[in-house]
Amino acid sequence: MNVSYSTVREGVNVACKRAGVTQAGRECHGFRHAYARERMHQLMPSEQKQIMNRVLENRKIGRAADYGILSEHDKQLYAAAREAMDQIHSELGHGKNRWALAMRYMGN
């Protein structure tokens, strides 16, 4: 039996509304966002999340991801956060070093 995309999408929307799940306009794609954010919290300790937010802010204003990351400690955090981000992207079927995607999936 073939089921159309719109039938699945509508079913998800109805189920989310009945369950009180807010989708913020993301519809089915919201599951990917939720997954990425949850995995980020699982894989990244607090310091890595802080560096990730710093990196995403850099990218948001057009700077290189590693702009201002100068100390050895910050460089290690940056590398670990980038590795976790790449793992999450891989789990979602995306490639490595996708900062623009991270801005959408993992940004504030």
Protein backbone atom coordinates (compact mmCIF):
# COMPACT_ATOMS: atom_id res chain seq x y z
CA MET A 1 0.00 0.00 0.00
CA ASN A 2 1.38 3.43 -0.94
CA VAL A 3 0.97 6.28 1.50
CA SER A 4 1.57 9.81 0.34
CA TYR A 5 3.93 12.20 2.07
CA SER A 6 1.07 14.58 2.84
CA THR A 7 -0.89 11.78 4.55
CA VAL A 8 2.07 10.96 6.79
CA ARG A 9 2.72 14.65 7.51
CA GLU A 10 -0.90 15.28 8.43
CA GLY A 11 -0.92 12.21 10.69
CA VAL A 12 2.19 13.46 12.49
CA ASN A 13 0.69 16.94 12.88
CA VAL A 14 -2.55 15.56 14.34
CA ALA A 15 -0.67 13.24 16.71
CA CYS A 16 1.60 16.05 17.90
CA LYS A 17 -1.36 18.35 18.53
CA ARG A 18 -3.19 15.66 20.50
CA ALA A 19 -0.06 14.94 22.53
CA GLY A 20 0.58 18.64 23.16
CA VAL A 21 3.89 18.61 21.27
CA THR A 22 4.77 22.02 19.85
CA GLN A 23 6.39 21.78 16.44
CA ALA A 24 7.21 25.46 15.95
CA GLY A 25 6.40 25.22 12.24
CA ARG A 26 8.96 22.48 11.59
CA GLU A 27 6.44 19.71 10.91
CA CYS A 28 8.05 16.30 10.29
CA HIS A 29 11.48 17.87 9.89
CA GLY A 30 11.20 18.92 13.53
CA PHE A 31 12.10 15.37 14.52
CA ARG A 32 15.54 15.87 12.99
CA HIS A 33 15.97 19.11 14.94
CA ALA A 34 14.86 17.46 18.17
CA TYR A 35 17.17 14.51 17.57
CA ALA A 36 20.17 16.76 16.85
CA ARG A 37 19.58 18.83 19.98
CA GLU A 38 19.10 15.79 22.19
CA ARG A 39 22.26 14.14 20.81
CA MET A 40 24.15 17.38 21.37
CA HIS A 41 23.16 17.28 25.03
CA GLN A 42 24.16 13.61 25.25
CA LEU A 43 27.52 13.96 23.52
CA MET A 44 28.77 17.37 24.63
CA PRO A 45 29.67 18.33 28.17
CA SER A 46 28.87 21.89 29.24
CA GLU A 47 32.19 23.39 28.10
CA GLN A 48 31.81 21.87 24.62
CA LYS A 49 28.27 23.25 24.33
CA GLN A 50 29.60 26.68 25.30
CA ILE A 51 32.30 26.53 22.62
CA MET A 52 29.72 25.27 20.11
CA ASN A 53 27.49 28.27 20.87
CA ARG A 54 30.51 30.55 20.44
CA VAL A 55 31.34 28.94 17.10
CA LEU A 56 27.75 29.22 15.89
CA GLU A 57 27.70 32.90 16.83
CA ASN A 58 30.92 33.35 14.81
CA ARG A 59 29.29 31.70 11.79
CA LYS A 60 26.10 33.72 12.22
CA ILE A 61 28.03 36.97 11.72
CA GLY A 62 30.14 35.60 8.87
CA ARG A 63 33.31 34.76 10.75
CA ALA A 64 35.29 31.55 10.46
CA ALA A 65 34.06 28.89 12.88
CA ASP A 66 37.30 28.93 14.86
CA TYR A 67 37.63 32.73 14.98
CA GLY A 68 39.03 33.79 18.38
CA ILE A 69 39.74 30.24 19.52
CA LEU A 70 43.34 30.73 20.53
CA SER A 71 44.19 28.87 23.74
CA GLU A 72 45.13 25.20 23.63
CA HIS A 73 42.21 24.41 25.93
CA ASP A 74 39.72 26.16 23.62
CA LYS A 75 41.26 24.47 20.57
CA GLN A 76 40.75 21.07 22.22
CA LEU A 77 37.15 21.96 23.09
CA TYR A 78 36.58 23.17 19.53
CA ALA A 79 37.95 19.93 18.06
CA ALA A 80 35.84 17.80 20.41
CA ALA A 81 32.68 19.83 19.72
CA ARG A 82 33.29 19.65 15.96
CA GLU A 83 33.76 15.88 16.22
CA ALA A 84 30.48 15.52 18.14
CA MET A 85 28.71 17.76 15.61
CA ASP A 86 30.07 15.65 12.75
CA GLN A 87 28.88 12.48 14.50
CA ILE A 88 25.38 13.93 14.88
CA HIS A 89 25.35 15.00 11.24
CA SER A 90 26.52 11.54 10.21
CA GLU A 91 23.69 9.95 12.20
CA LEU A 92 21.28 12.20 10.30
CA GLY A 93 22.83 11.30 6.94
CA HIS A 94 24.78 14.52 6.42
CA GLY A 95 28.46 15.15 5.77
CA LYS A 96 31.19 16.59 7.96
CA ASN A 97 31.96 20.20 8.82
CA ARG A 98 28.42 21.46 8.14
CA TRP A 99 28.34 24.61 10.26
CA ALA A 100 25.34 26.13 8.46
CA LEU A 101 23.36 22.99 9.21
CA ALA A 102 24.54 23.05 12.83
CA MET A 103 23.23 26.62 13.08
CA ARG A 104 19.76 25.36 12.18
CA TYR A 105 19.81 22.11 14.15
CA MET A 106 21.89 22.96 17.21
CA GLY A 107 21.82 26.74 17.51
CA ASN A 108 19.88 28.75 20.04
